[in-house]
PDB file of N, CA and C in Angstrom:
ATOM      1  N   MET A   1      92.783 159.345 130.167  1.00  0.00           N
ATOM      2  CA  MET A   1      93.743 159.793 129.177  1.00  0.00           C
ATOM      3  C   MET A   1      93.830 161.321 129.225  1.00  0.00           C
ATOM      4  N   LYS A   2      95.040 161.828 129.238  1.00  0.00           N
ATOM      5  CA  LYS A   2      95.286 163.270 129.260  1.00  0.00           C
ATOM      6  C   LYS A   2      94.976 163.874 127.891  1.00  0.00           C
ATOM      7  N   LYS A   3      94.344 165.034 127.882  1.00  0.00           N
ATOM      8  CA  LYS A   3      94.039 165.730 126.637  1.00  0.00           C
ATOM      9  C   LYS A   3      94.805 167.037 126.575  1.00  0.00           C
ATOM     10  N   ARG A   4      95.217 167.425 125.366  1.00  0.00           N
ATOM     11  CA  ARG A   4      95.912 168.691 125.142  1.00  0.00           C
ATOM     12  C   ARG A   4      95.250 169.408 123.992  1.00  0.00           C
ATOM     13  N   HIS A   5      95.381 170.705 123.994  1.00  0.00           N
ATOM     14  CA  HIS A   5      94.878 171.527 122.894  1.00  0.00           C
ATOM     15  C   HIS A   5      96.061 171.951 122.034  1.00  0.00           C
ATOM     16  N   PHE A   6      95.887 171.918 120.714  1.00  0.00           N
ATOM     17  CA  PHE A   6      96.926 172.342 119.788  1.00  0.00           C
ATOM     18  C   PHE A   6      96.340 173.385 118.846  1.00  0.00           C
ATOM     19  N   PRO A   7      97.068 174.473 118.597  1.00  0.00           N
ATOM     20  CA  PRO A   7      96.574 175.502 117.685  1.00  0.00           C
ATOM     21  C   PRO A   7      96.668 175.020 116.241  1.00  0.00           C
ATOM     22  N   ILE A   8      95.737 175.473 115.414  1.00  0.00           N
ATOM     23  CA  ILE A   8      95.813 175.204 113.986  1.00  0.00           C
ATOM     24  C   ILE A   8      95.569 176.499 113.224  1.00  0.00           C
ATOM     25  N   ILE A   9      96.116 176.563 112.025  1.00  0.00           N
ATOM     26  CA  ILE A   9      95.915 177.703 111.139  1.00  0.00           C
ATOM     27  C   ILE A   9      95.169 177.176 109.925  1.00  0.00           C
ATOM     28  N   ILE A  10      94.072 177.827 109.569  1.00  0.00           N
ATOM     29  CA  ILE A  10      93.266 177.411 108.424  1.00  0.00           C
ATOM     30  C   ILE A  10      93.356 178.485 107.352  1.00  0.00           C
ATOM     31  N   GLU A  11      93.729 178.059 106.135  1.00  0.00           N
ATOM     32  CA  GLU A  11      93.787 178.952 104.988  1.00  0.00           C
ATOM     33  C   GLU A  11      92.958 178.337 103.866  1.00  0.00           C
ATOM     34  N   GLN A  12      92.601 179.145 102.884  1.00  0.00           N
ATOM     35  CA  GLN A  12      91.870 178.628 101.732  1.00  0.00           C
ATOM     36  C   GLN A  12      92.611 179.052 100.467  1.00  0.00           C
ATOM     37  N   ASP A  13      92.894 178.072  99.594  1.00  0.00           N
ATOM     38  CA  ASP A  13      93.609 178.411  98.369  1.00  0.00           C
ATOM     39  C   ASP A  13      92.638 178.922  97.301  1.00  0.00           C
ATOM     40  N   LEU A  14      93.165 179.277  96.155  1.00  0.00           N
ATOM     41  CA  LEU A  14      92.353 179.863  95.085  1.00  0.00           C
ATOM     42  C   LEU A  14      91.310 178.899  94.522  1.00  0.00           C
ATOM     43  N   GLU A  15      91.522 177.608  94.706  1.00  0.00           N
ATOM     44  CA  GLU A  15      90.580 176.605  94.218  1.00  0.00           C
ATOM     45  C   GLU A  15      89.537 176.234  95.270  1.00  0.00           C
ATOM     46  N   GLY A  16      89.595 176.858  96.448  1.00  0.00           N
ATOM     47  CA  GLY A  16      88.609 176.613  97.498  1.00  0.00           C
ATOM     48  C   GLY A  16      88.980 175.521  98.481  1.00  0.00           C
ATOM     49  N   VAL A  17      90.155 174.939  98.345  1.00  0.00           N
ATOM     50  CA  VAL A  17      90.593 173.884  99.261  1.00  0.00           C
ATOM     51  C   VAL A  17      91.090 174.526 100.560  1.00  0.00           C
ATOM     52  N   PHE A  18      90.711 173.941 101.688  1.00  0.00           N
ATOM     53  CA  PHE A  18      91.141 174.437 102.994  1.00  0.00           C
ATOM     54  C   PHE A  18      92.442 173.736 103.385  1.00  0.00           C
ATOM     55  N   ILE A  19      93.484 174.517 103.633  1.00  0.00           N
ATOM     56  CA  ILE A  19      94.790 174.007 104.026  1.00  0.00           C
ATOM     57  C   ILE A  19      94.967 174.315 105.503  1.00  0.00           C
ATOM     58  N   VAL A  20      95.342 173.284 106.263  1.00  0.00           N
ATOM     59  CA  VAL A  20      95.435 173.424 107.713  1.00  0.00           C
ATOM     60  C   VAL A  20      96.845 173.058 108.171  1.00  0.00           C
ATOM     61  N   THR A  21      97.368 173.852 109.092  1.00  0.00           N
ATOM     62  CA  THR A  21      98.700 173.644 109.624  1.00  0.00           C
ATOM     63  C   THR A  21      98.650 173.688 111.141  1.00  0.00           C
ATOM     64  N   CYS A  22      99.416 172.817 111.772  1.00  0.00           N
ATOM     65  CA  CYS A  22      99.611 172.898 113.219  1.00  0.00           C
ATOM     66  C   CYS A  22     101.043 173.377 113.438  1.00  0.00           C
ATOM     67  N   PRO A  23     101.224 174.652 113.818  1.00  0.00           N
ATOM     68  CA  PRO A  23     102.571 175.215 113.920  1.00  0.00           C
ATOM     69  C   PRO A  23     103.431 174.627 115.040  1.00  0.00           C
ATOM     70  N   VAL A  24     102.849 173.850 115.905  1.00  0.00           N
ATOM     71  CA  VAL A  24     103.601 173.246 117.008  1.00  0.00           C
ATOM     72  C   VAL A  24     104.548 172.162 116.491  1.00  0.00           C
ATOM     73  N   PHE A  25     104.149 171.493 115.403  1.00  0.00           N
ATOM     74  CA  PHE A  25     104.948 170.409 114.832  1.00  0.00           C
ATOM     75  C   PHE A  25     105.420 170.802 113.440  1.00  0.00           C
ATOM     76  N   LYS A  26     106.712 170.696 113.185  1.00  0.00           N
ATOM     77  CA  LYS A  26     107.258 171.018 111.872  1.00  0.00           C
ATOM     78  C   LYS A  26     106.704 170.052 110.839  1.00  0.00           C
ATOM     79  N   GLY A  27     106.189 170.594 109.743  1.00  0.00           N
ATOM     80  CA  GLY A  27     105.689 169.766 108.655  1.00  0.00           C
ATOM     81  C   GLY A  27     104.330 169.146 108.898  1.00  0.00           C
ATOM     82  N   CYS A  28     103.598 169.610 109.888  1.00  0.00           N
ATOM     83  CA  CYS A  28     102.277 169.048 110.193  1.00  0.00           C
ATOM     84  C   CYS A  28     101.215 169.848 109.449  1.00  0.00           C
ATOM     85  N   HIS A  29     100.857 169.351 108.260  1.00  0.00           N
ATOM     86  CA  HIS A  29      99.896 170.024 107.397  1.00  0.00           C
ATOM     87  C   HIS A  29      98.865 169.013 106.912  1.00  0.00           C
ATOM     88  N   SER A  30      97.707 169.505 106.529  1.00  0.00           N
ATOM     89  CA  SER A  30      96.699 168.673 105.892  1.00  0.00           C
ATOM     90  C   SER A  30      95.760 169.580 105.123  1.00  0.00           C
ATOM     91  N   TYR A  31      94.720 169.012 104.551  1.00  0.00           N
ATOM     92  CA  TYR A  31      93.775 169.808 103.778  1.00  0.00           C
ATOM     93  C   TYR A  31      92.431 169.091 103.716  1.00  0.00           C
ATOM     94  N   GLY A  32      91.441 169.787 103.191  1.00  0.00           N
ATOM     95  CA  GLY A  32      90.114 169.208 102.999  1.00  0.00           C
ATOM     96  C   GLY A  32      89.267 170.108 102.142  1.00  0.00           C
ATOM     97  N   SER A  33      88.205 169.547 101.557  1.00  0.00           N
ATOM     98  CA  SER A  33      87.325 170.362 100.723  1.00  0.00           C
ATOM     99  C   SER A  33      86.366 171.208 101.547  1.00  0.00           C
ATOM    100  N   THR A  34      86.199 170.856 102.818  1.00  0.00           N
ATOM    101  CA  THR A  34      85.412 171.677 103.748  1.00  0.00           C
ATOM    102  C   THR A  34      86.268 171.923 104.988  1.00  0.00           C
ATOM    103  N   ILE A  35      85.874 172.899 105.777  1.00  0.00           N
ATOM    104  CA  ILE A  35      86.612 173.161 107.023  1.00  0.00           C
ATOM    105  C   ILE A  35      86.534 171.947 107.945  1.00  0.00           C
ATOM    106  N   ASP A  36      85.356 171.346 108.055  1.00  0.00           N
ATOM    107  CA  ASP A  36      85.209 170.175 108.930  1.00  0.00           C
ATOM    108  C   ASP A  36      86.110 169.022 108.494  1.00  0.00           C
ATOM    109  N   GLU A  37      86.185 168.787 107.179  1.00  0.00           N
ATOM    110  CA  GLU A  37      87.054 167.727 106.672  1.00  0.00           C
ATOM    111  C   GLU A  37      88.522 168.057 106.945  1.00  0.00           C
ATOM    112  N   ALA A  38      88.900 169.325 106.743  1.00  0.00           N
ATOM    113  CA  ALA A  38      90.279 169.746 106.991  1.00  0.00           C
ATOM    114  C   ALA A  38      90.636 169.579 108.462  1.00  0.00           C
ATOM    115  N   ILE A  39      89.731 169.929 109.364  1.00  0.00           N
ATOM    116  CA  ILE A  39      89.983 169.789 110.802  1.00  0.00           C
ATOM    117  C   ILE A  39      90.096 168.314 111.184  1.00  0.00           C
ATOM    118  N   ALA A  40      89.239 167.471 110.627  1.00  0.00           N
ATOM    119  CA  ALA A  40      89.333 166.032 110.901  1.00  0.00           C
ATOM    120  C   ALA A  40      90.677 165.494 110.421  1.00  0.00           C
ATOM    121  N   ASN A  41      91.117 165.952 109.247  1.00  0.00           N
ATOM    122  CA  ASN A  41      92.393 165.478 108.697  1.00  0.00           C
ATOM    123  C   ASN A  41      93.590 165.972 109.504  1.00  0.00           C
ATOM    124  N   ILE A  42      93.558 167.240 109.962  1.00  0.00           N
ATOM    125  CA  ILE A  42      94.688 167.743 110.745  1.00  0.00           C
ATOM    126  C   ILE A  42      94.715 167.083 112.131  1.00  0.00           C
ATOM    127  N   THR A  43      93.551 166.738 112.654  1.00  0.00           N
ATOM    128  CA  THR A  43      93.489 166.025 113.936  1.00  0.00           C
ATOM    129  C   THR A  43      94.228 164.691 113.817  1.00  0.00           C
ATOM    130  N   GLU A  44      94.001 164.000 112.716  1.00  0.00           N
ATOM    131  CA  GLU A  44      94.700 162.735 112.468  1.00  0.00           C
ATOM    132  C   GLU A  44      96.205 162.972 112.284  1.00  0.00           C
ATOM    133  N   ALA A  45      96.546 164.024 111.545  1.00  0.00           N
ATOM    134  CA  ALA A  45      97.964 164.344 111.320  1.00  0.00           C
ATOM    135  C   ALA A  45      98.662 164.691 112.636  1.00  0.00           C
ATOM    136  N   ILE A  46      97.987 165.455 113.492  1.00  0.00           N
ATOM    137  CA  ILE A  46      98.569 165.802 114.796  1.00  0.00           C
ATOM    138  C   ILE A  46      98.797 164.536 115.612  1.00  0.00           C
ATOM    139  N   GLY A  47      97.845 163.610 115.558  1.00  0.00           N
ATOM    140  CA  GLY A  47      98.011 162.328 116.263  1.00  0.00           C
ATOM    141  C   GLY A  47      99.254 161.597 115.798  1.00  0.00           C
ATOM    142  N   SER A  48      99.503 161.604 114.485  1.00  0.00           N
ATOM    143  CA  SER A  48     100.710 160.971 113.944  1.00  0.00           C
ATOM    144  C   SER A  48     101.963 161.705 114.403  1.00  0.00           C
ATOM    145  N   CYS A  49     101.898 163.040 114.424  1.00  0.00           N
ATOM    146  CA  CYS A  49     103.054 163.826 114.877  1.00  0.00           C
ATOM    147  C   CYS A  49     103.366 163.546 116.333  1.00  0.00           C
ATOM    148  N   ILE A  50     102.330 163.411 117.149  1.00  0.00           N
ATOM    149  CA  ILE A  50     102.529 163.122 118.571  1.00  0.00           C
ATOM    150  C   ILE A  50     103.220 161.769 118.736  1.00  0.00           C
ATOM    151  N   GLU A  51     102.790 160.771 117.955  1.00  0.00           N
ATOM    152  CA  GLU A  51     103.390 159.437 118.047  1.00  0.00           C
ATOM    153  C   GLU A  51     104.859 159.468 117.652  1.00  0.00           C
ATOM    154  N   ASP A  52     105.216 160.350 116.696  1.00  0.00           N
ATOM    155  CA  ASP A  52     106.588 160.423 116.203  1.00  0.00           C
ATOM    156  C   ASP A  52     107.467 161.382 116.990  1.00  0.00           C
ATOM    157  N   THR A  53     106.911 162.040 118.005  1.00  0.00           N
ATOM    158  CA  THR A  53     107.640 163.066 118.743  1.00  0.00           C
ATOM    159  C   THR A  53     107.867 162.624 120.181  1.00  0.00           C
ATOM    160  N   ILE A  54     109.048 162.894 120.675  1.00  0.00           N
ATOM    161  CA  ILE A  54     109.335 162.636 122.087  1.00  0.00           C
ATOM    162  C   ILE A  54     108.478 163.598 122.909  1.00  0.00           C
ATOM    163  N   VAL A  55     107.910 163.134 123.986  1.00  0.00           N
ATOM    164  CA  VAL A  55     107.040 163.956 124.827  1.00  0.00           C
ATOM    165  C   VAL A  55     107.733 165.271 125.175  1.00  0.00           C
ATOM    166  N   ASP A  56     107.021 166.359 125.025  1.00  0.00           N
ATOM    167  CA  ASP A  56     107.501 167.709 125.308  1.00  0.00           C
ATOM    168  C   ASP A  56     108.662 168.140 124.392  1.00  0.00           C
ATOM    169  N   ASP A  57     108.803 167.483 123.231  1.00  0.00           N
ATOM    170  CA  ASP A  57     109.861 167.845 122.281  1.00  0.00           C
ATOM    171  C   ASP A  57     109.259 168.550 121.058  1.00  0.00           C
ATOM    172  N   TYR A  58     108.423 169.518 121.317  1.00  0.00           N
ATOM    173  CA  TYR A  58     107.842 170.292 120.231  1.00  0.00           C
ATOM    174  C   TYR A  58     107.865 171.758 120.613  1.00  0.00           C
ATOM    175  N   THR A  59     107.659 172.616 119.623  1.00  0.00           N
ATOM    176  CA  THR A  59     107.770 174.056 119.869  1.00  0.00           C
ATOM    177  C   THR A  59     106.560 174.581 120.630  1.00  0.00           C
ATOM    178  N   GLN A  60     106.734 175.685 121.279  1.00  0.00           N
ATOM    179  CA  GLN A  60     105.651 176.347 122.016  1.00  0.00           C
ATOM    180  C   GLN A  60     105.003 177.375 121.105  1.00  0.00           C
ATOM    181  N   PHE A  61     103.704 177.244 120.885  1.00  0.00           N
ATOM    182  CA  PHE A  61     102.978 178.208 120.055  1.00  0.00           C
ATOM    183  C   PHE A  61     102.810 179.502 120.843  1.00  0.00           C
ATOM    184  N   VAL A  62     103.162 180.626 120.221  1.00  0.00           N
ATOM    185  CA  VAL A  62     103.082 181.921 120.884  1.00  0.00           C
ATOM    186  C   VAL A  62     101.879 182.721 120.391  1.00  0.00           C
ATOM    187  N   GLY A  63     101.664 182.757 119.103  1.00  0.00           N
ATOM    188  CA  GLY A  63     100.524 183.494 118.578  1.00  0.00           C
ATOM    189  C   GLY A  63     100.725 183.869 117.123  1.00  0.00           C
ATOM    190  N   ILE A  64      99.750 184.550 116.581  1.00  0.00           N
ATOM    191  CA  ILE A  64      99.778 185.000 115.195  1.00  0.00           C
ATOM    192  C   ILE A  64      99.666 186.505 115.192  1.00  0.00           C
ATOM    193  N   ARG A  65     100.481 187.156 114.380  1.00  0.00           N
ATOM    194  CA  ARG A  65     100.445 188.622 114.256  1.00  0.00           C
ATOM    195  C   ARG A  65     100.433 188.966 112.787  1.00  0.00           C
ATOM    196  N   ASP A  66      99.950 190.138 112.454  1.00  0.00           N
ATOM    197  CA  ASP A  66     100.011 190.680 111.097  1.00  0.00           C
ATOM    198  C   ASP A  66     101.202 191.625 111.020  1.00  0.00           C
ATOM    199  N   VAL A  67     101.833 191.659 109.864  1.00  0.00           N
ATOM    200  CA  VAL A  67     102.841 192.672 109.588  1.00  0.00           C
ATOM    201  C   VAL A  67     102.414 193.424 108.337  1.00  0.00           C
ATOM    202  N   GLU A  68     102.713 194.703 108.305  1.00  0.00           N
ATOM    203  CA  GLU A  68     102.334 195.527 107.164  1.00  0.00           C
ATOM    204  C   GLU A  68     103.541 195.720 106.262  1.00  0.00           C
ATOM    205  N   ILE A  69     103.352 195.438 104.980  1.00  0.00           N
ATOM    206  CA  ILE A  69     104.434 195.570 103.998  1.00  0.00           C
ATOM    207  C   ILE A  69     103.888 196.339 102.798  1.00  0.00           C
ATOM    208  N   ALA A  70     104.624 197.329 102.342  1.00  0.00           N
ATOM    209  CA  ALA A  70     104.228 198.074 101.146  1.00  0.00           C
ATOM    210  C   ALA A  70     104.442 197.205  99.924  1.00  0.00           C
ATOM    211  N   VAL A  71     103.426 197.122  99.087  1.00  0.00           N
ATOM    212  CA  VAL A  71     103.549 196.343  97.845  1.00  0.00           C
ATOM    213  C   VAL A  71     103.182 197.167  96.629  1.00  0.00           C
TER     214      VAL A  71
END
């Protein structure tokens, strides 16, 4: 079976919940009370996204950058 790597973004909300997103698939989000739980959940979500997506019909992840904004 062929394996692929998918990028994920992990954030933590004010209540301590870890929110995880896979930017390759639109709407592919999950969460968990620990990082390990969040990663396990996003892995499952990515699997569902792959099943619902035509092969090679997803966006190409380029990277993450910071922007500076005066507040």
